[in-house]
């Protein structure tokens, strides 16, 4: 599989995971976010491995992932 396609597919899967996690948390269910940081790191690493012109095509997906991550973080309970 082409590296750009791999990165796009990983970003799409992560986006779906974030949407599901947010929906669960918004409905009051608990969600295990273990490993989410590794998946985000993997997508970022794949993006950085691309030639610049290909990496730029991934930018909108990465921005969307950031927004989804921020939204999910806003639903996390505060830890004292």
Protein backbone atom coordinates (compact mmCIF):
# COMPACT_ATOMS: atom_id res chain seq x y z
CA UNK A 1 0.00 0.00 0.00
CA UNK A 2 1.22 3.50 -0.78
CA UNK A 3 2.50 5.40 2.30
CA UNK A 4 0.05 8.27 1.73
CA UNK A 5 -2.86 5.84 1.53
CA UNK A 6 -1.66 4.14 4.70
CA UNK A 7 -1.51 7.47 6.55
CA UNK A 8 -4.95 8.49 5.25
CA UNK A 9 -6.46 5.17 6.31
CA UNK A 10 -4.90 5.39 9.77
CA UNK A 11 -6.22 8.94 10.16
CA UNK A 12 -9.70 7.85 9.08
CA UNK A 13 -9.73 4.95 11.55
CA UNK A 14 -8.53 7.19 14.35
CA UNK A 15 -11.20 9.75 13.48
CA UNK A 16 -13.88 7.07 13.74
CA UNK A 17 -12.47 5.93 17.08
CA UNK A 18 -12.55 9.49 18.41
CA UNK A 19 -16.16 9.99 17.25
CA UNK A 20 -17.25 6.80 18.99
CA UNK A 21 -15.36 7.64 22.18
CA UNK A 22 -16.91 11.10 22.25
CA UNK A 23 -20.41 9.72 21.71
CA UNK A 24 -19.95 7.24 24.55
CA UNK A 25 -18.57 9.86 26.91
CA UNK A 26 -21.28 12.37 26.00
CA UNK A 27 -23.88 9.75 26.95
CA UNK A 28 -22.23 9.22 30.33
CA UNK A 29 -20.43 5.98 29.56
CA UNK A 30 -16.83 5.45 30.53
CA UNK A 31 -14.24 4.91 27.82
CA UNK A 32 -10.80 3.34 28.02
CA UNK A 33 -8.47 5.66 26.13
CA UNK A 34 -5.38 3.51 26.69
CA UNK A 35 -3.23 3.51 23.58
CA UNK A 36 -4.89 6.52 21.99
CA UNK A 37 -1.70 8.54 22.36
CA UNK A 38 0.25 5.84 20.50
CA UNK A 39 -2.25 5.82 17.65
CA UNK A 40 -2.07 9.60 17.33
CA UNK A 41 1.73 9.39 17.41
CA UNK A 42 1.67 6.75 14.67
CA UNK A 43 -0.48 8.91 12.39
CA UNK A 44 1.80 11.89 12.99
CA UNK A 45 4.91 9.80 12.30
CA UNK A 46 3.41 8.47 9.07
CA UNK A 47 2.60 12.03 8.01
CA UNK A 48 6.15 13.19 8.76
CA UNK A 49 7.58 10.30 6.73
CA UNK A 50 5.80 11.52 3.60
CA UNK A 51 7.39 13.84 1.06
CA UNK A 52 6.27 17.43 1.81
CA UNK A 53 3.82 17.70 -1.08
CA UNK A 54 2.07 14.48 -0.02
CA UNK A 55 2.18 15.40 3.64
CA UNK A 56 0.35 18.63 2.88
CA UNK A 57 -2.55 16.65 1.42
CA UNK A 58 -2.96 14.98 4.81
CA UNK A 59 -3.15 18.32 6.63
CA UNK A 60 -6.98 18.65 6.61
CA UNK A 61 -7.34 15.19 8.19
CA UNK A 62 -4.75 16.03 10.84
CA UNK A 63 -6.52 19.30 11.66
CA UNK A 64 -9.79 17.39 12.00
CA UNK A 65 -8.12 14.88 14.32
CA UNK A 66 -6.85 17.74 16.48
CA UNK A 67 -10.36 19.20 16.72
CA UNK A 68 -11.82 15.81 17.59
CA UNK A 69 -9.14 15.23 20.23
CA UNK A 70 -9.80 18.65 21.76
CA UNK A 71 -13.54 17.94 21.81
CA UNK A 72 -12.97 14.59 23.47
CA UNK A 73 -10.64 16.16 26.02
CA UNK A 74 -13.30 18.72 26.89
CA UNK A 75 -15.65 15.89 27.94
CA UNK A 76 -13.13 14.24 30.26
CA UNK A 77 -13.92 14.60 33.94
CA UNK A 78 -11.63 16.91 35.87
CA UNK A 79 -9.00 15.19 37.97
CA UNK A 80 -8.28 16.83 41.32
